[in-house]
PDB file of N, CA and C in Angstrom:
ATOM      1  N   MET A   1       2.707 -11.184  16.914  1.00  0.00           N
ATOM      2  CA  MET A   1       3.665 -10.461  16.178  1.00  0.00           C
ATOM      3  C   MET A   1       3.511  -8.900  16.053  1.00  0.00           C
ATOM      4  N   ASP A   2       4.599  -8.317  16.585  1.00  0.00           N
ATOM      5  CA  ASP A   2       4.660  -6.913  16.179  1.00  0.00           C
ATOM      6  C   ASP A   2       4.999  -6.548  14.896  1.00  0.00           C
ATOM      7  N   TYR A   3       4.295  -5.418  14.203  1.00  0.00           N
ATOM      8  CA  TYR A   3       4.670  -5.182  12.753  1.00  0.00           C
ATOM      9  C   TYR A   3       5.366  -3.648  13.086  1.00  0.00           C
ATOM     10  N   ASN A   4       6.444  -3.530  12.225  1.00  0.00           N
ATOM     11  CA  ASN A   4       7.321  -2.654  12.512  1.00  0.00           C
ATOM     12  C   ASN A   4       7.147  -1.978  10.955  1.00  0.00           C
ATOM     13  N   TYR A   5       6.899  -0.627  10.598  1.00  0.00           N
ATOM     14  CA  TYR A   5       6.573  -0.070   9.321  1.00  0.00           C
ATOM     15  C   TYR A   5       7.839   0.929   8.972  1.00  0.00           C
ATOM     16  N   SER A   6       8.258   0.702   8.162  1.00  0.00           N
ATOM     17  CA  SER A   6       9.548   1.738   7.970  1.00  0.00           C
ATOM     18  C   SER A   6       9.154   3.215   8.016  1.00  0.00           C
ATOM     19  N   ASP A   7      10.132   4.032   7.925  1.00  0.00           N
ATOM     20  CA  ASP A   7       9.917   5.710   7.991  1.00  0.00           C
ATOM     21  C   ASP A   7       9.727   5.775   6.307  1.00  0.00           C
ATOM     22  N   GLU A   8      10.507   5.196   5.677  1.00  0.00           N
ATOM     23  CA  GLU A   8      10.112   5.490   4.247  1.00  0.00           C
ATOM     24  C   GLU A   8       8.541   5.159   3.842  1.00  0.00           C
ATOM     25  N   LEU A   9       8.073   4.032   4.405  1.00  0.00           N
ATOM     26  CA  LEU A   9       6.658   3.763   4.240  1.00  0.00           C
ATOM     27  C   LEU A   9       5.704   4.613   4.841  1.00  0.00           C
ATOM     28  N   LYS A  10       6.039   5.262   6.058  1.00  0.00           N
ATOM     29  CA  LYS A  10       5.315   6.454   6.650  1.00  0.00           C
ATOM     30  C   LYS A  10       5.482   7.496   5.589  1.00  0.00           C
ATOM     31  N   ALA A  11       6.260   7.759   5.288  1.00  0.00           N
ATOM     32  CA  ALA A  11       6.493   9.138   4.590  1.00  0.00           C
ATOM     33  C   ALA A  11       5.722   8.976   3.008  1.00  0.00           C
ATOM     34  N   ARG A  12       5.980   7.746   2.434  1.00  0.00           N
ATOM     35  CA  ARG A  12       4.995   7.419   1.132  1.00  0.00           C
ATOM     36  C   ARG A  12       3.786   7.732   1.585  1.00  0.00           C
ATOM     37  N   LEU A  13       2.971   7.497   2.779  1.00  0.00           N
ATOM     38  CA  LEU A  13       1.729   7.233   2.919  1.00  0.00           C
ATOM     39  C   LEU A  13       1.318   8.981   3.407  1.00  0.00           C
ATOM     40  N   LYS A  14       2.335   9.717   4.040  1.00  0.00           N
ATOM     41  CA  LYS A  14       2.137  11.164   3.865  1.00  0.00           C
ATOM     42  C   LYS A  14       2.076  11.879   2.729  1.00  0.00           C
ATOM     43  N   ARG A  15       3.038  11.008   1.885  1.00  0.00           N
ATOM     44  CA  ARG A  15       2.827  11.839   0.458  1.00  0.00           C
ATOM     45  C   ARG A  15       1.443  11.596  -0.290  1.00  0.00           C
ATOM     46  N   ILE A  16       0.532  10.406   0.279  1.00  0.00           N
ATOM     47  CA  ILE A  16      -0.455  10.136  -0.318  1.00  0.00           C
ATOM     48  C   ILE A  16      -1.695  10.975   0.283  1.00  0.00           C
ATOM     49  N   GLU A  17      -1.065  11.343   1.530  1.00  0.00           N
ATOM     50  CA  GLU A  17      -2.210  12.313   2.263  1.00  0.00           C
ATOM     51  C   GLU A  17      -2.034  13.442   1.689  1.00  0.00           C
ATOM     52  N   GLY A  18      -1.140  14.016   1.389  1.00  0.00           N
ATOM     53  CA  GLY A  18      -1.049  15.270   0.833  1.00  0.00           C
ATOM     54  C   GLY A  18      -1.742  15.144  -0.779  1.00  0.00           C
ATOM     55  N   GLN A  19      -1.660  14.133  -1.378  1.00  0.00           N
ATOM     56  CA  GLN A  19      -2.137  14.058  -2.756  1.00  0.00           C
ATOM     57  C   GLN A  19      -3.656  14.289  -2.799  1.00  0.00           C
ATOM     58  N   VAL A  20      -4.117  13.759  -1.860  1.00  0.00           N
ATOM     59  CA  VAL A  20      -5.741  13.699  -1.397  1.00  0.00           C
ATOM     60  C   VAL A  20      -5.923  14.958  -1.166  1.00  0.00           C
ATOM     61  N   ARG A  21      -5.471  15.596  -0.324  1.00  0.00           N
ATOM     62  CA  ARG A  21      -5.683  16.960   0.115  1.00  0.00           C
ATOM     63  C   ARG A  21      -5.597  17.857  -0.916  1.00  0.00           C
ATOM     64  N   GLY A  22      -4.826  17.773  -2.122  1.00  0.00           N
ATOM     65  CA  GLY A  22      -4.512  18.378  -3.304  1.00  0.00           C
ATOM     66  C   GLY A  22      -5.960  18.164  -4.063  1.00  0.00           C
ATOM     67  N   VAL A  23      -6.346  16.750  -4.297  1.00  0.00           N
ATOM     68  CA  VAL A  23      -7.476  16.707  -4.873  1.00  0.00           C
ATOM     69  C   VAL A  23      -8.599  17.265  -4.521  1.00  0.00           C
ATOM     70  N   LEU A  24      -8.931  17.356  -3.059  1.00  0.00           N
ATOM     71  CA  LEU A  24     -10.010  18.386  -2.357  1.00  0.00           C
ATOM     72  C   LEU A  24      -9.973  19.575  -2.660  1.00  0.00           C
ATOM     73  N   ARG A  25      -8.668  20.104  -2.914  1.00  0.00           N
ATOM     74  CA  ARG A  25      -8.408  21.524  -3.219  1.00  0.00           C
ATOM     75  C   ARG A  25      -8.887  21.789  -4.935  1.00  0.00           C
ATOM     76  N   LEU A  26      -8.401  20.547  -5.584  1.00  0.00           N
ATOM     77  CA  LEU A  26      -9.069  20.982  -6.940  1.00  0.00           C
ATOM     78  C   LEU A  26     -10.485  20.890  -7.130  1.00  0.00           C
ATOM     79  N   MET A  27     -11.063  19.991  -6.334  1.00  0.00           N
ATOM     80  CA  MET A  27     -12.536  20.054  -6.213  1.00  0.00           C
ATOM     81  C   MET A  27     -13.132  21.305  -5.879  1.00  0.00           C
ATOM     82  N   ASP A  28     -12.681  22.042  -4.765  1.00  0.00           N
ATOM     83  CA  ASP A  28     -13.033  23.378  -3.922  1.00  0.00           C
ATOM     84  C   ASP A  28     -12.725  24.430  -4.854  1.00  0.00           C
ATOM     85  N   GLU A  29     -11.825  24.121  -5.892  1.00  0.00           N
ATOM     86  CA  GLU A  29     -11.574  25.265  -6.702  1.00  0.00           C
ATOM     87  C   GLU A  29     -12.277  25.047  -8.043  1.00  0.00           C
ATOM     88  N   GLY A  30     -13.078  24.141  -8.113  1.00  0.00           N
ATOM     89  CA  GLY A  30     -14.123  23.778  -9.403  1.00  0.00           C
ATOM     90  C   GLY A  30     -13.353  23.671 -10.655  1.00  0.00           C
ATOM     91  N   LYS A  31     -11.982  22.777 -10.217  1.00  0.00           N
ATOM     92  CA  LYS A  31     -11.281  22.342 -11.177  1.00  0.00           C
ATOM     93  C   LYS A  31     -11.812  21.410 -12.375  1.00  0.00           C
ATOM     94  N   PRO A  32     -11.539  20.934 -13.655  1.00  0.00           N
ATOM     95  CA  PRO A  32     -12.281  20.032 -14.599  1.00  0.00           C
ATOM     96  C   PRO A  32     -12.294  18.909 -14.268  1.00  0.00           C
ATOM     97  N   CYS A  33     -13.007  18.108 -14.483  1.00  0.00           N
ATOM     98  CA  CYS A  33     -13.116  16.245 -13.960  1.00  0.00           C
ATOM     99  C   CYS A  33     -12.058  15.774 -14.449  1.00  0.00           C
ATOM    100  N   LYS A  34     -11.143  16.240 -15.334  1.00  0.00           N
ATOM    101  CA  LYS A  34     -10.158  15.356 -16.112  1.00  0.00           C
ATOM    102  C   LYS A  34      -8.837  15.714 -15.227  1.00  0.00           C
ATOM    103  N   ASP A  35      -8.802  16.908 -14.642  1.00  0.00           N
ATOM    104  CA  ASP A  35      -7.775  17.220 -13.602  1.00  0.00           C
ATOM    105  C   ASP A  35      -7.743  16.126 -12.145  1.00  0.00           C
ATOM    106  N   VAL A  36      -8.926  16.222 -11.938  1.00  0.00           N
ATOM    107  CA  VAL A  36      -9.486  15.716 -10.494  1.00  0.00           C
ATOM    108  C   VAL A  36      -8.987  14.069 -10.715  1.00  0.00           C
ATOM    109  N   VAL A  37      -9.593  13.589 -11.613  1.00  0.00           N
ATOM    110  CA  VAL A  37      -9.664  11.944 -12.016  1.00  0.00           C
ATOM    111  C   VAL A  37      -8.153  11.548 -12.224  1.00  0.00           C
ATOM    112  N   SER A  38      -7.334  12.937 -12.774  1.00  0.00           N
ATOM    113  CA  SER A  38      -6.013  12.091 -12.871  1.00  0.00           C
ATOM    114  C   SER A  38      -5.044  12.472 -11.511  1.00  0.00           C
ATOM    115  N   GLN A  39      -5.514  13.247 -10.819  1.00  0.00           N
ATOM    116  CA  GLN A  39      -5.031  13.165  -9.525  1.00  0.00           C
ATOM    117  C   GLN A  39      -5.349  11.796  -8.567  1.00  0.00           C
ATOM    118  N   LEU A  40      -6.813  11.536  -9.054  1.00  0.00           N
ATOM    119  CA  LEU A  40      -7.202  10.606  -8.251  1.00  0.00           C
ATOM    120  C   LEU A  40      -6.569   9.218  -8.283  1.00  0.00           C
ATOM    121  N   SER A  41      -6.124   8.901  -9.940  1.00  0.00           N
ATOM    122  CA  SER A  41      -5.446   7.814 -10.366  1.00  0.00           C
ATOM    123  C   SER A  41      -4.041   8.028  -9.832  1.00  0.00           C
ATOM    124  N   ALA A  42      -3.414   9.000  -9.951  1.00  0.00           N
ATOM    125  CA  ALA A  42      -2.158   9.351  -8.969  1.00  0.00           C
ATOM    126  C   ALA A  42      -2.266   8.392  -7.622  1.00  0.00           C
ATOM    127  N   VAL A  43      -3.192   8.901  -6.859  1.00  0.00           N
ATOM    128  CA  VAL A  43      -3.314   8.489  -5.762  1.00  0.00           C
ATOM    129  C   VAL A  43      -3.491   6.972  -5.571  1.00  0.00           C
ATOM    130  N   ARG A  44      -4.472   6.456  -6.620  1.00  0.00           N
ATOM    131  CA  ARG A  44      -4.939   5.157  -6.383  1.00  0.00           C
ATOM    132  C   ARG A  44      -3.354   4.275  -6.648  1.00  0.00           C
ATOM    133  N   ASN A  45      -2.776   4.822  -7.758  1.00  0.00           N
ATOM    134  CA  ASN A  45      -1.252   4.053  -8.046  1.00  0.00           C
ATOM    135  C   ASN A  45      -0.241   3.995  -6.934  1.00  0.00           C
ATOM    136  N   ALA A  46      -0.231   5.264  -5.987  1.00  0.00           N
ATOM    137  CA  ALA A  46       0.735   5.307  -5.054  1.00  0.00           C
ATOM    138  C   ALA A  46       0.325   4.238  -3.927  1.00  0.00           C
ATOM    139  N   SER A  47      -1.047   4.355  -3.607  1.00  0.00           N
ATOM    140  CA  SER A  47      -1.542   3.419  -2.451  1.00  0.00           C
ATOM    141  C   SER A  47      -1.380   2.051  -3.101  1.00  0.00           C
ATOM    142  N   ASP A  48      -1.715   1.631  -4.242  1.00  0.00           N
ATOM    143  CA  ASP A  48      -1.270   0.568  -4.683  1.00  0.00           C
ATOM    144  C   ASP A  48       0.295   0.182  -4.522  1.00  0.00           C
ATOM    145  N   ARG A  49       1.329   0.988  -4.749  1.00  0.00           N
ATOM    146  CA  ARG A  49       2.480   0.655  -4.070  1.00  0.00           C
ATOM    147  C   ARG A  49       2.830   0.415  -2.696  1.00  0.00           C
ATOM    148  N   ALA A  50       2.070   1.171  -2.004  1.00  0.00           N
ATOM    149  CA  ALA A  50       2.311   0.939  -0.584  1.00  0.00           C
ATOM    150  C   ALA A  50       1.860  -0.019  -0.068  1.00  0.00           C
ATOM    151  N   ILE A  51       1.026  -0.799  -0.667  1.00  0.00           N
ATOM    152  CA  ILE A  51      -0.155  -2.181  -0.161  1.00  0.00           C
ATOM    153  C   ILE A  51       1.396  -3.037  -0.366  1.00  0.00           C
ATOM    154  N   ALA A  52       1.549  -2.761  -1.623  1.00  0.00           N
ATOM    155  CA  ALA A  52       2.701  -3.969  -2.388  1.00  0.00           C
ATOM    156  C   ALA A  52       3.749  -3.912  -1.536  1.00  0.00           C
ATOM    157  N   GLN A  53       4.276  -2.575  -1.285  1.00  0.00           N
ATOM    158  CA  GLN A  53       5.366  -2.778   0.173  1.00  0.00           C
ATOM    159  C   GLN A  53       4.983  -3.473   1.318  1.00  0.00           C
ATOM    160  N   ILE A  54       4.186  -3.119   1.797  1.00  0.00           N
ATOM    161  CA  ILE A  54       3.522  -3.350   2.975  1.00  0.00           C
ATOM    162  C   ILE A  54       3.543  -4.985   2.954  1.00  0.00           C
ATOM    163  N   VAL A  55       2.765  -5.820   1.889  1.00  0.00           N
ATOM    164  CA  VAL A  55       2.760  -7.286   1.668  1.00  0.00           C
ATOM    165  C   VAL A  55       3.946  -7.774   1.609  1.00  0.00           C
ATOM    166  N   ALA A  56       4.970  -7.238   0.856  1.00  0.00           N
ATOM    167  CA  ALA A  56       6.238  -7.906   0.548  1.00  0.00           C
ATOM    168  C   ALA A  56       7.142  -7.708   1.711  1.00  0.00           C
ATOM    169  N   GLU A  57       7.209  -6.782   2.500  1.00  0.00           N
ATOM    170  CA  GLU A  57       8.123  -6.568   3.779  1.00  0.00           C
ATOM    171  C   GLU A  57       7.500  -7.574   4.813  1.00  0.00           C
ATOM    172  N   ASN A  58       5.975  -7.648   5.224  1.00  0.00           N
ATOM    173  CA  ASN A  58       5.297  -8.540   5.863  1.00  0.00           C
ATOM    174  C   ASN A  58       5.930  -9.896   5.591  1.00  0.00           C
ATOM    175  N   LEU A  59       5.796 -10.518   4.209  1.00  0.00           N
ATOM    176  CA  LEU A  59       5.471 -11.672   3.463  1.00  0.00           C
ATOM    177  C   LEU A  59       7.189 -12.046   3.887  1.00  0.00           C
ATOM    178  N   GLN A  60       8.185 -11.166   3.704  1.00  0.00           N
ATOM    179  CA  GLN A  60       9.500 -11.584   3.799  1.00  0.00           C
ATOM    180  C   GLN A  60       9.949 -11.780   5.322  1.00  0.00           C
ATOM    181  N   GLN A  61       9.012 -11.157   6.197  1.00  0.00           N
ATOM    182  CA  GLN A  61       9.662 -11.375   8.098  1.00  0.00           C
ATOM    183  C   GLN A  61       8.670 -12.605   8.092  1.00  0.00           C
ATOM    184  N   CYS A  62       7.446 -12.951   7.574  1.00  0.00           N
ATOM    185  CA  CYS A  62       6.697 -14.007   8.082  1.00  0.00           C
ATOM    186  C   CYS A  62       7.813 -15.248   7.439  1.00  0.00           C
ATOM    187  N   ILE A  63       8.054 -15.149   6.385  1.00  0.00           N
ATOM    188  CA  ILE A  63       8.564 -16.468   5.802  1.00  0.00           C
ATOM    189  C   ILE A  63       9.861 -16.844   6.795  1.00  0.00           C
ATOM    190  N   LEU A  64      10.656 -15.648   7.063  1.00  0.00           N
ATOM    191  CA  LEU A  64      11.939 -15.972   7.832  1.00  0.00           C
ATOM    192  C   LEU A  64      11.401 -16.732   9.276  1.00  0.00           C
ATOM    193  N   ASP A  65      10.467 -16.313   9.705  1.00  0.00           N
ATOM    194  CA  ASP A  65       9.480 -16.577  11.038  1.00  0.00           C
ATOM    195  C   ASP A  65       9.477 -18.115  11.053  1.00  0.00           C
ATOM    196  N   GLU A  66       8.623 -18.349   9.701  1.00  0.00           N
ATOM    197  CA  GLU A  66       7.850 -19.416   9.588  1.00  0.00           C
ATOM    198  C   GLU A  66       9.596 -20.621   9.225  1.00  0.00           C
ATOM    199  N   GLN A  67      10.026 -20.374   8.707  1.00  0.00           N
ATOM    200  CA  GLN A  67      11.078 -20.864   8.415  1.00  0.00           C
ATOM    201  C   GLN A  67      11.876 -21.657   9.393  1.00  0.00           C
ATOM    202  N   GLN A  68      12.251 -20.674  10.558  1.00  0.00           N
ATOM    203  CA  GLN A  68      12.786 -21.293  11.755  1.00  0.00           C
ATOM    204  C   GLN A  68      11.721 -22.065  12.512  1.00  0.00           C
ATOM    205  N   THR A  69      10.553 -21.900  12.442  1.00  0.00           N
ATOM    206  CA  THR A  69      10.014 -22.945  12.929  1.00  0.00           C
ATOM    207  C   THR A  69       9.598 -24.361  12.414  1.00  0.00           C
ATOM    208  N   GLY A  70       9.810 -24.219  10.880  1.00  0.00           N
ATOM    209  CA  GLY A  70       9.898 -25.447  10.213  1.00  0.00           C
ATOM    210  C   GLY A  70       8.440 -25.550   9.434  1.00  0.00           C
ATOM    211  N   GLY A  71       7.824 -24.239   9.422  1.00  0.00           N
ATOM    212  CA  GLY A  71       6.484 -24.452   9.126  1.00  0.00           C
ATOM    213  C   GLY A  71       6.311 -24.212   7.715  1.00  0.00           C
ATOM    214  N   ASP A  72       4.819 -24.079   7.279  1.00  0.00           N
ATOM    215  CA  ASP A  72       4.817 -24.189   5.881  1.00  0.00           C
ATOM    216  C   ASP A  72       4.761 -22.817   5.121  1.00  0.00           C
ATOM    217  N   THR A  73       5.761 -22.432   4.592  1.00  0.00           N
ATOM    218  CA  THR A  73       5.737 -20.913   3.790  1.00  0.00           C
ATOM    219  C   THR A  73       4.908 -20.672   2.675  1.00  0.00           C
ATOM    220  N   GLY A  74       4.376 -21.962   1.840  1.00  0.00           N
ATOM    221  CA  GLY A  74       3.493 -21.940   0.716  1.00  0.00           C
ATOM    222  C   GLY A  74       2.356 -21.288   1.260  1.00  0.00           C
ATOM    223  N   LYS A  75       1.960 -21.415   2.284  1.00  0.00           N
ATOM    224  CA  LYS A  75       0.569 -20.934   2.710  1.00  0.00           C
ATOM    225  C   LYS A  75       0.673 -19.627   2.901  1.00  0.00           C
ATOM    226  N   LEU A  76       1.771 -18.893   3.598  1.00  0.00           N
ATOM    227  CA  LEU A  76       2.049 -17.525   3.683  1.00  0.00           C
ATOM    228  C   LEU A  76       2.147 -16.891   2.251  1.00  0.00           C
ATOM    229  N   VAL A  77       2.689 -17.599   1.116  1.00  0.00           N
ATOM    230  CA  VAL A  77       2.729 -16.925  -0.007  1.00  0.00           C
ATOM    231  C   VAL A  77       1.549 -16.753  -0.524  1.00  0.00           C
ATOM    232  N   LYS A  78       0.544 -17.779  -0.615  1.00  0.00           N
ATOM    233  CA  LYS A  78      -0.926 -18.089  -1.005  1.00  0.00           C
ATOM    234  C   LYS A  78      -1.405 -16.814  -0.294  1.00  0.00           C
ATOM    235  N   GLN A  79      -1.596 -16.385   1.063  1.00  0.00           N
ATOM    236  CA  GLN A  79      -2.267 -15.448   1.793  1.00  0.00           C
ATOM    237  C   GLN A  79      -1.777 -14.299   1.299  1.00  0.00           C
ATOM    238  N   ALA A  80      -0.448 -14.136   1.080  1.00  0.00           N
ATOM    239  CA  ALA A  80      -0.189 -12.599   0.796  1.00  0.00           C
ATOM    240  C   ALA A  80      -0.727 -12.405  -0.844  1.00  0.00           C
ATOM    241  N   VAL A  81      -0.464 -13.398  -1.828  1.00  0.00           N
ATOM    242  CA  VAL A  81      -1.307 -13.140  -3.014  1.00  0.00           C
ATOM    243  C   VAL A  81      -2.740 -12.943  -3.064  1.00  0.00           C
ATOM    244  N   GLU A  82      -3.460 -13.429  -1.845  1.00  0.00           N
ATOM    245  CA  GLU A  82      -4.858 -13.079  -1.926  1.00  0.00           C
ATOM    246  C   GLU A  82      -5.128 -11.663  -1.392  1.00  0.00           C
ATOM    247  N   LEU A  83      -4.356 -11.208  -0.546  1.00  0.00           N
ATOM    248  CA  LEU A  83      -4.150 -10.141  -0.062  1.00  0.00           C
ATOM    249  C   LEU A  83      -4.077  -8.910  -1.297  1.00  0.00           C
ATOM    250  N   LEU A  84      -3.098  -9.122  -2.039  1.00  0.00           N
ATOM    251  CA  LEU A  84      -2.938  -8.381  -3.023  1.00  0.00           C
ATOM    252  C   LEU A  84      -4.017  -8.369  -4.045  1.00  0.00           C
ATOM    253  N   VAL A  85      -4.676  -9.370  -4.766  1.00  0.00           N
ATOM    254  CA  VAL A  85      -5.877  -9.673  -5.487  1.00  0.00           C
ATOM    255  C   VAL A  85      -6.909  -8.699  -4.578  1.00  0.00           C
ATOM    256  N   LYS A  86      -7.320  -9.102  -3.336  1.00  0.00           N
ATOM    257  CA  LYS A  86      -8.154  -8.779  -2.723  1.00  0.00           C
ATOM    258  C   LYS A  86      -8.120  -6.868  -2.793  1.00  0.00           C
ATOM    259  N   SER A  87      -7.063  -6.358  -2.630  1.00  0.00           N
ATOM    260  CA  SER A  87      -6.683  -5.034  -2.529  1.00  0.00           C
ATOM    261  C   SER A  87      -6.962  -4.202  -3.860  1.00  0.00           C
ATOM    262  N   ARG A  88      -7.041  -4.991  -4.773  1.00  0.00           N
ATOM    263  CA  ARG A  88      -7.521  -4.586  -6.025  1.00  0.00           C
ATOM    264  C   ARG A  88      -8.991  -4.451  -6.558  1.00  0.00           C
TER     265      ARG A  88
END
């Protein structure tokens, strides 16, 4: 199965990339720990949302494909939940 990731998702990841560069800049500038950790927290939250979006979009497509072949969609949902739990 080929995966097609949306331009919106790719843009989200590019924003995360920019946030990480911003964190590095804060560190290079010797900014306080509070500022660095705050920005890293924002990066983590943004990446968590990206993970959730990827899993949700993939799950939706996998369920549709599985339904067409008469397969067990419950197994797919379980795998998606395990992916989300593992990502935390």
